[in-house]
Amino acid sequence: MLRSFDGKEPQVADSAYVDEAAVVIGDVVIEDDASVWPNTTIRGDHGRIVVAEGANIQDNAVLHEHAALEPYSTVGHSAIVHDATVAERGLVGMNAVVLDGAHVGEGAVVAAGSVVTEGTEVPPSTLVTGAPAEPKTEIEDGSHLEATADRYVELSRKYAETSERID
């Protein structure tokens, strides 16, 4: 569902996939080949939210207040990104939380269930875990991150072409 708020409407690229069960409100930009999956909420009522090319936001995730997903980043199932940035090919794991002013570096991974506290800078190509999230190890081969984002681009195309509502 796309909804305007306070005179601002979501802008969705033609090649993006936004599931009809997702809620996208207000000042939100969803770029080419990005995907927004069922029951995701993107609420752009207190600042612009940008979902860059090829980024994917999986089921039940929440983005709010100036959140930015850079190209081919991933936000896992039920994760929250609040007023924070996930850099290119970064991944926020399932049920993880990234709080205000935090920045997840390029190719970095926030492990499932972890909490990246306010203002934290997650270094590029680093796995962070825990609550609060702390560096665990350096990621030497980021090909799995490329595969995840690319797989979601392909999956979103298949959904756009083949899924239909049946009541």
N, C-alpha and C. Protein backbone atom coordinates (compact mmCIF):
# COMPACT_ATOMS: atom_id res chain seq x y z
N MET A 1 0.84 -1.16 0.00
CA MET A 1 0.00 0.00 0.00
C MET A 1 0.90 1.23 0.00
N LEU A 2 0.68 2.12 -0.94
CA LEU A 2 1.40 3.39 -1.01
C LEU A 2 0.46 4.48 -0.53
N ARG A 3 0.95 5.30 0.41
CA ARG A 3 0.12 6.38 0.95
C ARG A 3 0.91 7.68 1.01
N SER A 4 0.22 8.77 0.71
CA SER A 4 0.84 10.08 0.88
C SER A 4 0.75 10.48 2.35
N PHE A 5 1.61 11.43 2.73
CA PHE A 5 1.55 12.00 4.07
C PHE A 5 2.04 13.43 3.99
N ASP A 6 1.26 14.34 4.50
CA ASP A 6 1.64 15.75 4.59
C ASP A 6 2.11 16.29 3.24
N GLY A 7 1.40 15.89 2.19
CA GLY A 7 1.70 16.39 0.84
C GLY A 7 2.83 15.68 0.13
N LYS A 8 3.41 14.65 0.73
CA LYS A 8 4.52 13.92 0.09
C LYS A 8 4.07 12.51 -0.23
N GLU A 9 4.42 12.08 -1.45
CA GLU A 9 4.06 10.75 -1.92
C GLU A 9 5.31 9.91 -2.16
N PRO A 10 5.20 8.62 -1.92
CA PRO A 10 6.32 7.75 -2.26
C PRO A 10 6.61 7.80 -3.76
N GLN A 11 7.89 7.73 -4.10
CA GLN A 11 8.33 7.66 -5.50
C GLN A 11 8.94 6.28 -5.70
N VAL A 12 8.32 5.51 -6.59
CA VAL A 12 8.74 4.13 -6.80
C VAL A 12 9.11 3.94 -8.27
N ALA A 13 10.32 3.49 -8.52
CA ALA A 13 10.78 3.23 -9.89
C ALA A 13 9.95 2.12 -10.51
N ASP A 14 9.77 2.18 -11.80
CA ASP A 14 8.99 1.17 -12.52
C ASP A 14 9.54 -0.24 -12.34
N SER A 15 10.85 -0.36 -12.23
CA SER A 15 11.45 -1.69 -12.11
C SER A 15 11.55 -2.18 -10.67
N ALA A 16 11.12 -1.36 -9.71
CA ALA A 16 11.14 -1.79 -8.30
C ALA A 16 9.94 -2.69 -8.03
N TYR A 17 10.08 -3.53 -7.02
CA TYR A 17 8.97 -4.38 -6.59
C TYR A 17 8.58 -3.98 -5.18
N VAL A 18 7.32 -3.60 -5.01
CA VAL A 18 6.77 -3.32 -3.69
C VAL A 18 5.56 -4.23 -3.52
N ASP A 19 5.66 -5.19 -2.62
CA ASP A 19 4.57 -6.12 -2.40
C ASP A 19 3.33 -5.37 -1.94
N GLU A 20 2.16 -5.83 -2.38
CA GLU A 20 0.93 -5.14 -2.03
C GLU A 20 0.63 -5.19 -0.53
N ALA A 21 1.27 -6.10 0.20
CA ALA A 21 1.08 -6.17 1.64
C ALA A 21 2.07 -5.30 2.41
N ALA A 22 2.95 -4.60 1.71
CA ALA A 22 3.87 -3.66 2.36
C ALA A 22 3.17 -2.32 2.52
N VAL A 23 3.64 -1.51 3.47
CA VAL A 23 3.09 -0.17 3.69
C VAL A 23 4.23 0.83 3.50
N VAL A 24 4.05 1.73 2.53
CA VAL A 24 5.06 2.74 2.21
C VAL A 24 4.36 4.09 2.27
N ILE A 25 4.82 4.93 3.20
CA ILE A 25 4.12 6.18 3.49
C ILE A 25 5.05 7.37 3.36
N GLY A 26 4.59 8.42 2.66
CA GLY A 26 5.23 9.72 2.68
C GLY A 26 6.47 9.86 1.84
N ASP A 27 7.50 10.51 2.40
CA ASP A 27 8.70 10.90 1.69
C ASP A 27 9.67 9.73 1.56
N VAL A 28 9.36 8.86 0.60
CA VAL A 28 10.12 7.63 0.39
C VAL A 28 10.48 7.54 -1.09
N VAL A 29 11.73 7.19 -1.36
CA VAL A 29 12.19 6.97 -2.73
C VAL A 29 12.66 5.52 -2.82
N ILE A 30 12.09 4.78 -3.77
CA ILE A 30 12.48 3.40 -4.00
C ILE A 30 12.99 3.32 -5.43
N GLU A 31 14.29 3.06 -5.57
CA GLU A 31 14.95 3.14 -6.88
C GLU A 31 14.86 1.82 -7.66
N ASP A 32 15.42 1.83 -8.87
CA ASP A 32 15.38 0.69 -9.78
C ASP A 32 15.81 -0.61 -9.12
N ASP A 33 15.07 -1.66 -9.42
CA ASP A 33 15.37 -3.03 -9.01
C ASP A 33 15.41 -3.24 -7.49
N ALA A 34 14.98 -2.26 -6.71
CA ALA A 34 14.86 -2.45 -5.27
C ALA A 34 13.61 -3.29 -5.00
N SER A 35 13.56 -3.94 -3.84
CA SER A 35 12.39 -4.73 -3.50
C SER A 35 12.00 -4.54 -2.04
N VAL A 36 10.67 -4.50 -1.84
CA VAL A 36 10.07 -4.31 -0.52
C VAL A 36 9.07 -5.44 -0.35
N TRP A 37 9.29 -6.30 0.63
CA TRP A 37 8.56 -7.55 0.76
C TRP A 37 7.38 -7.44 1.73
N PRO A 38 6.54 -8.49 1.81
CA PRO A 38 5.29 -8.41 2.58
C PRO A 38 5.47 -7.94 4.02
N ASN A 39 4.53 -7.13 4.44
CA ASN A 39 4.40 -6.63 5.81
C ASN A 39 5.53 -5.72 6.26
N THR A 40 6.33 -5.27 5.32
CA THR A 40 7.35 -4.26 5.61
C THR A 40 6.65 -2.92 5.77
N THR A 41 7.16 -2.10 6.68
CA THR A 41 6.67 -0.74 6.83
C THR A 41 7.82 0.23 6.61
N ILE A 42 7.61 1.16 5.68
CA ILE A 42 8.57 2.24 5.43
C ILE A 42 7.80 3.52 5.64
N ARG A 43 8.12 4.22 6.73
CA ARG A 43 7.32 5.38 7.13
C ARG A 43 8.16 6.65 7.03
N GLY A 44 7.97 7.36 5.91
CA GLY A 44 8.70 8.60 5.66
C GLY A 44 7.92 9.81 6.11
N ASP A 45 7.64 9.88 7.40
CA ASP A 45 6.88 11.01 7.94
C ASP A 45 7.75 11.99 8.72
N HIS A 46 8.97 11.61 9.03
CA HIS A 46 9.91 12.49 9.74
C HIS A 46 11.25 12.53 9.03
N GLY A 47 11.23 12.58 7.73
CA GLY A 47 12.45 12.63 6.94
C GLY A 47 12.40 11.65 5.81
N ARG A 48 13.18 11.93 4.78
CA ARG A 48 13.21 11.11 3.57
C ARG A 48 13.89 9.77 3.84
N ILE A 49 13.31 8.74 3.26
CA ILE A 49 13.88 7.41 3.29
C ILE A 49 14.20 7.03 1.85
N VAL A 50 15.44 6.60 1.62
CA VAL A 50 15.86 6.22 0.27
C VAL A 50 16.27 4.75 0.28
N VAL A 51 15.65 4.02 -0.64
CA VAL A 51 15.98 2.62 -0.86
C VAL A 51 16.62 2.58 -2.25
N ALA A 52 17.94 2.47 -2.28
CA ALA A 52 18.69 2.61 -3.53
C ALA A 52 18.56 1.38 -4.42
N GLU A 53 19.10 1.53 -5.60
CA GLU A 53 19.05 0.49 -6.62
C GLU A 53 19.45 -0.88 -6.07
N GLY A 54 18.58 -1.86 -6.32
CA GLY A 54 18.87 -3.24 -5.98
C GLY A 54 18.81 -3.58 -4.50
N ALA A 55 18.52 -2.60 -3.64
CA ALA A 55 18.41 -2.90 -2.20
C ALA A 55 17.14 -3.70 -1.95
N ASN A 56 17.15 -4.50 -0.89
CA ASN A 56 15.96 -5.27 -0.56
C ASN A 56 15.66 -5.19 0.92
N ILE A 57 14.36 -5.08 1.20
CA ILE A 57 13.87 -5.00 2.57
C ILE A 57 12.90 -6.16 2.74
N GLN A 58 13.28 -7.11 3.58
CA GLN A 58 12.54 -8.35 3.67
C GLN A 58 11.36 -8.26 4.65
N ASP A 59 10.55 -9.30 4.63
CA ASP A 59 9.28 -9.35 5.35
C ASP A 59 9.37 -8.83 6.78
N ASN A 60 8.40 -8.00 7.13
CA ASN A 60 8.19 -7.48 8.49
C ASN A 60 9.23 -6.48 8.96
N ALA A 61 10.10 -6.02 8.10
CA ALA A 61 11.11 -5.03 8.49
C ALA A 61 10.47 -3.65 8.60
N VAL A 62 11.15 -2.75 9.32
CA VAL A 62 10.67 -1.38 9.51
C VAL A 62 11.81 -0.41 9.22
N LEU A 63 11.51 0.62 8.40
CA LEU A 63 12.43 1.73 8.18
C LEU A 63 11.69 3.00 8.56
N HIS A 64 12.37 3.91 9.29
CA HIS A 64 11.75 5.15 9.72
C HIS A 64 12.81 6.22 9.86
N GLU A 65 12.41 7.46 9.70
CA GLU A 65 13.23 8.66 9.94
C GLU A 65 14.59 8.67 9.24
N HIS A 66 14.67 9.25 8.09
CA HIS A 66 15.94 9.48 7.38
C HIS A 66 16.75 8.22 7.13
N ALA A 67 16.13 7.08 7.08
CA ALA A 67 16.88 5.86 6.80
C ALA A 67 17.35 5.86 5.35
N ALA A 68 18.52 5.28 5.13
CA ALA A 68 19.06 5.20 3.77
C ALA A 68 19.68 3.83 3.56
N LEU A 69 19.22 3.16 2.51
CA LEU A 69 19.83 1.90 2.09
C LEU A 69 20.54 2.16 0.79
N GLU A 70 21.84 1.97 0.78
CA GLU A 70 22.62 2.21 -0.43
C GLU A 70 22.50 1.00 -1.36
N PRO A 71 23.03 1.10 -2.59
CA PRO A 71 22.80 0.05 -3.58
C PRO A 71 23.12 -1.36 -3.08
N TYR A 72 22.21 -2.26 -3.40
CA TYR A 72 22.35 -3.69 -3.18
C TYR A 72 22.57 -4.06 -1.71
N SER A 73 22.05 -3.24 -0.82
CA SER A 73 22.09 -3.59 0.59
C SER A 73 20.86 -4.44 0.92
N THR A 74 20.91 -5.12 2.06
CA THR A 74 19.85 -6.03 2.48
C THR A 74 19.45 -5.73 3.91
N VAL A 75 18.15 -5.67 4.14
CA VAL A 75 17.60 -5.59 5.50
C VAL A 75 16.78 -6.85 5.68
N GLY A 76 17.20 -7.70 6.61
CA GLY A 76 16.58 -9.01 6.79
C GLY A 76 15.23 -8.95 7.46
N HIS A 77 14.59 -10.10 7.52
CA HIS A 77 13.26 -10.25 8.08
C HIS A 77 13.18 -9.66 9.49
N SER A 78 12.17 -8.84 9.71
CA SER A 78 11.85 -8.26 11.02
C SER A 78 12.93 -7.35 11.59
N ALA A 79 13.84 -6.88 10.77
CA ALA A 79 14.88 -5.95 11.24
C ALA A 79 14.32 -4.53 11.26
N ILE A 80 14.99 -3.65 11.99
CA ILE A 80 14.61 -2.24 12.08
C ILE A 80 15.82 -1.38 11.74
N VAL A 81 15.62 -0.42 10.85
CA VAL A 81 16.63 0.59 10.56
C VAL A 81 15.96 1.93 10.84
N HIS A 82 16.44 2.62 11.87
CA HIS A 82 15.82 3.87 12.31
C HIS A 82 16.82 5.01 12.22
N ASP A 83 16.59 5.93 11.28
CA ASP A 83 17.45 7.11 11.13
C ASP A 83 18.91 6.72 11.01
N ALA A 84 19.17 5.73 10.16
CA ALA A 84 20.52 5.19 10.01
C ALA A 84 20.77 4.85 8.54
N THR A 85 22.03 4.54 8.22
CA THR A 85 22.43 4.22 6.86
C THR A 85 23.05 2.83 6.80
N VAL A 86 22.67 2.10 5.76
CA VAL A 86 23.31 0.82 5.45
C VAL A 86 23.99 1.02 4.10
N ALA A 87 25.31 0.92 4.09
CA ALA A 87 26.09 1.20 2.89
C ALA A 87 25.95 0.08 1.87
N GLU A 88 26.52 0.32 0.68
CA GLU A 88 26.44 -0.61 -0.43
C GLU A 88 26.85 -2.02 -0.01
N ARG A 89 26.01 -2.99 -0.38
CA ARG A 89 26.21 -4.41 -0.11
C ARG A 89 26.28 -4.73 1.38
N GLY A 90 25.86 -3.79 2.24
CA GLY A 90 25.76 -4.08 3.66
C GLY A 90 24.55 -4.96 3.93
N LEU A 91 24.57 -5.68 5.04
CA LEU A 91 23.47 -6.57 5.38
C LEU A 91 23.12 -6.42 6.85
N VAL A 92 21.84 -6.20 7.12
CA VAL A 92 21.31 -6.15 8.48
C VAL A 92 20.52 -7.44 8.66
N GLY A 93 20.97 -8.30 9.56
CA GLY A 93 20.38 -9.63 9.72
C GLY A 93 18.99 -9.60 10.34
N MET A 94 18.35 -10.75 10.32
CA MET A 94 17.01 -10.90 10.85
C MET A 94 16.93 -10.43 12.30
N ASN A 95 15.87 -9.69 12.60
CA ASN A 95 15.59 -9.18 13.96
C ASN A 95 16.68 -8.27 14.51
N ALA A 96 17.57 -7.79 13.69
CA ALA A 96 18.59 -6.84 14.15
C ALA A 96 17.99 -5.44 14.17
N VAL A 97 18.62 -4.55 14.93
CA VAL A 97 18.17 -3.16 15.05
C VAL A 97 19.37 -2.25 14.82
N VAL A 98 19.18 -1.25 13.95
CA VAL A 98 20.22 -0.26 13.68
C VAL A 98 19.61 1.09 14.04
N LEU A 99 20.18 1.75 15.06
CA LEU A 99 19.57 2.94 15.63
C LEU A 99 20.15 4.25 15.10
N ASP A 100 19.53 5.33 15.51
CA ASP A 100 19.76 6.69 15.04
C ASP A 100 21.24 7.05 14.87
N GLY A 101 21.54 7.54 13.68
CA GLY A 101 22.87 8.04 13.39
C GLY A 101 23.92 6.97 13.16
N ALA A 102 23.52 5.71 13.22
CA ALA A 102 24.48 4.63 12.97
C ALA A 102 24.74 4.51 11.48
N HIS A 103 25.89 3.97 11.15
CA HIS A 103 26.27 3.74 9.75
C HIS A 103 26.88 2.35 9.64
N VAL A 104 26.23 1.49 8.86
CA VAL A 104 26.75 0.15 8.60
C VAL A 104 27.58 0.25 7.33
N GLY A 105 28.87 -0.02 7.44
CA GLY A 105 29.80 0.19 6.34
C GLY A 105 29.59 -0.74 5.16
N GLU A 106 30.23 -0.38 4.06
CA GLU A 106 30.13 -1.16 2.82
C GLU A 106 30.55 -2.61 3.06
N GLY A 107 29.69 -3.53 2.66
CA GLY A 107 29.99 -4.94 2.79
C GLY A 107 30.03 -5.46 4.21
N ALA A 108 29.54 -4.68 5.17
CA ALA A 108 29.50 -5.11 6.56
C ALA A 108 28.23 -5.91 6.82
N VAL A 109 28.26 -6.72 7.89
CA VAL A 109 27.11 -7.53 8.27
C VAL A 109 26.80 -7.31 9.74
N VAL A 110 25.53 -7.01 10.01
CA VAL A 110 25.02 -6.94 11.38
C VAL A 110 24.33 -8.28 11.62
N ALA A 111 24.87 -9.08 12.53
CA ALA A 111 24.34 -10.42 12.76
C ALA A 111 22.90 -10.38 13.25
N ALA A 112 22.18 -11.46 12.98
CA ALA A 112 20.79 -11.57 13.40
C ALA A 112 20.67 -11.29 14.90
N GLY A 113 19.66 -10.50 15.25
CA GLY A 113 19.37 -10.19 16.65
C GLY A 113 20.28 -9.17 17.29
N SER A 114 21.22 -8.64 16.57
CA SER A 114 22.16 -7.67 17.14
C SER A 114 21.54 -6.28 17.19
N VAL A 115 22.12 -5.42 18.03
CA VAL A 115 21.66 -4.03 18.15
C VAL A 115 22.85 -3.10 17.93
N VAL A 116 22.77 -2.33 16.84
CA VAL A 116 23.78 -1.31 16.56
C VAL A 116 23.27 -0.03 17.20
N THR A 117 23.96 0.41 18.25
CA THR A 117 23.48 1.55 19.03
C THR A 117 23.70 2.88 18.30
N GLU A 118 23.04 3.90 18.82
CA GLU A 118 23.07 5.24 18.22
C GLU A 118 24.49 5.71 17.94
N GLY A 119 24.68 6.23 16.73
CA GLY A 119 25.95 6.84 16.35
C GLY A 119 27.09 5.88 16.07
N THR A 120 26.85 4.60 16.12
CA THR A 120 27.91 3.61 15.90
C THR A 120 28.30 3.57 14.42
N GLU A 121 29.60 3.48 14.16
CA GLU A 121 30.13 3.30 12.82
C GLU A 121 30.62 1.86 12.71
N VAL A 122 29.91 1.07 11.93
CA VAL A 122 30.34 -0.30 11.67
C VAL A 122 31.33 -0.24 10.51
N PRO A 123 32.57 -0.67 10.72
CA PRO A 123 33.57 -0.58 9.65
C PRO A 123 33.18 -1.42 8.43
N PRO A 124 33.65 -1.03 7.26
CA PRO A 124 33.40 -1.83 6.06
C PRO A 124 33.90 -3.27 6.25
N SER A 125 33.22 -4.20 5.60
CA SER A 125 33.63 -5.61 5.58
C SER A 125 33.89 -6.18 6.96
N THR A 126 33.01 -5.85 7.90
CA THR A 126 33.14 -6.33 9.26
C THR A 126 31.84 -6.97 9.70
N LEU A 127 31.92 -8.10 10.40
CA LEU A 127 30.76 -8.72 11.03
C LEU A 127 30.69 -8.20 12.45
N VAL A 128 29.52 -7.64 12.81
CA VAL A 128 29.30 -7.23 14.20
C VAL A 128 28.18 -8.07 14.78
N THR A 129 28.30 -8.37 16.09
CA THR A 129 27.32 -9.20 16.77
C THR A 129 27.06 -8.66 18.16
N GLY A 130 25.90 -9.02 18.70
CA GLY A 130 25.59 -8.74 20.09
C GLY A 130 24.75 -7.49 20.29
N ALA A 131 24.50 -7.24 21.58
CA ALA A 131 23.72 -6.07 21.98
C ALA A 131 24.39 -5.45 23.20
N PRO A 132 25.15 -4.39 23.01
CA PRO A 132 25.37 -3.67 21.76
C PRO A 132 26.31 -4.44 20.82
N ALA A 133 26.13 -4.20 19.53
CA ALA A 133 26.92 -4.90 18.52
C ALA A 133 28.38 -4.47 18.61
N GLU A 134 29.25 -5.46 18.54
CA GLU A 134 30.68 -5.22 18.55
C GLU A 134 31.33 -6.03 17.44
N PRO A 135 32.46 -5.55 16.91
CA PRO A 135 33.13 -6.29 15.83
C PRO A 135 33.51 -7.70 16.26
N LYS A 136 33.21 -8.65 15.40
CA LYS A 136 33.53 -10.06 15.66
C LYS A 136 34.68 -10.52 14.77
N THR A 137 34.58 -10.17 13.47
CA THR A 137 35.61 -10.60 12.53
C THR A 137 35.55 -9.75 11.27
N GLU A 138 36.64 -9.76 10.53
CA GLU A 138 36.66 -9.09 9.24
C GLU A 138 36.13 -10.07 8.19
N ILE A 139 35.37 -9.54 7.24
CA ILE A 139 34.83 -10.36 6.15
C ILE A 139 35.79 -10.27 4.98
N GLU A 140 36.43 -11.38 4.67
CA GLU A 140 37.42 -11.37 3.60
C GLU A 140 36.81 -11.59 2.23
N ASP A 141 35.73 -12.36 2.18
CA ASP A 141 35.08 -12.65 0.90
C ASP A 141 33.61 -12.24 1.00
N GLY A 142 33.27 -11.15 0.34
CA GLY A 142 31.91 -10.62 0.39
C GLY A 142 31.00 -11.14 -0.71
N SER A 143 31.40 -12.21 -1.38
CA SER A 143 30.59 -12.70 -2.51
C SER A 143 29.21 -13.15 -2.07
N HIS A 144 29.07 -13.62 -0.82
CA HIS A 144 27.74 -14.04 -0.34
C HIS A 144 26.80 -12.84 -0.25
N LEU A 145 27.35 -11.65 0.02
CA LEU A 145 26.51 -10.45 0.07
C LEU A 145 26.04 -10.07 -1.32
N GLU A 146 26.93 -10.18 -2.29
CA GLU A 146 26.55 -9.92 -3.67
C GLU A 146 25.49 -10.91 -4.11
N ALA A 147 25.65 -12.15 -3.76
CA ALA A 147 24.69 -13.19 -4.15
C ALA A 147 23.32 -12.94 -3.52
N THR A 148 23.30 -12.51 -2.25
CA THR A 148 22.02 -12.25 -1.59
C THR A 148 21.26 -11.15 -2.29
N ALA A 149 21.90 -10.03 -2.51
CA ALA A 149 21.22 -8.90 -3.15
C ALA A 149 20.81 -9.25 -4.57
N ASP A 150 21.68 -9.89 -5.32
CA ASP A 150 21.36 -10.26 -6.70
C ASP A 150 20.20 -11.25 -6.75
N ARG A 151 20.18 -12.18 -5.80
CA ARG A 151 19.09 -13.15 -5.74
C ARG A 151 17.75 -12.47 -5.50
N TYR A 152 17.75 -11.44 -4.66
CA TYR A 152 16.50 -10.72 -4.39
C TYR A 152 16.06 -9.88 -5.58
N VAL A 153 16.98 -9.37 -6.36
CA VAL A 153 16.60 -8.66 -7.59
C VAL A 153 15.88 -9.63 -8.51
N GLU A 154 16.46 -10.81 -8.69
CA GLU A 154 15.84 -11.81 -9.57
C GLU A 154 14.51 -12.29 -9.01
N LEU A 155 14.44 -12.54 -7.71
CA LEU A 155 13.20 -13.00 -7.10
C LEU A 155 12.09 -11.95 -7.24
N SER A 156 12.45 -10.68 -7.08
CA SER A 156 11.43 -9.63 -7.20
C SER A 156 10.90 -9.56 -8.63
N ARG A 157 11.75 -9.80 -9.61
CA ARG A 157 11.28 -9.82 -11.00
C ARG A 157 10.30 -10.97 -11.22
N LYS A 158 10.62 -12.11 -10.64
CA LYS A 158 9.72 -13.27 -10.78
C LYS A 158 8.38 -12.98 -10.11
N TYR A 159 8.41 -12.39 -8.92
CA TYR A 159 7.16 -12.01 -8.26
C TYR A 159 6.35 -11.04 -9.10
N ALA A 160 7.02 -10.05 -9.64
CA ALA A 160 6.31 -9.06 -10.44
C ALA A 160 5.64 -9.70 -11.66
N GLU A 161 6.28 -10.71 -12.22
CA GLU A 161 5.77 -11.36 -13.42
C GLU A 161 4.74 -12.44 -13.14
N THR A 162 4.85 -13.15 -12.02
CA THR A 162 4.04 -14.35 -11.85
C THR A 162 3.06 -14.35 -10.68
N SER A 163 3.27 -13.50 -9.69
CA SER A 163 2.37 -13.59 -8.54
C SER A 163 1.09 -12.80 -8.81
N GLU A 164 0.00 -13.33 -8.34
CA GLU A 164 -1.26 -12.61 -8.44
C GLU A 164 -2.12 -12.95 -7.24
N ARG A 165 -2.90 -12.00 -6.88
CA ARG A 165 -3.76 -12.16 -5.71
C ARG A 165 -4.90 -13.12 -6.03
N ILE A 166 -5.15 -14.06 -5.13
CA ILE A 166 -6.30 -14.94 -5.27
C ILE A 166 -7.09 -14.85 -3.96
N ASP A 167 -8.33 -14.52 -4.08
CA ASP A 167 -9.18 -14.36 -2.88
C ASP A 167 -10.19 -15.48 -2.78
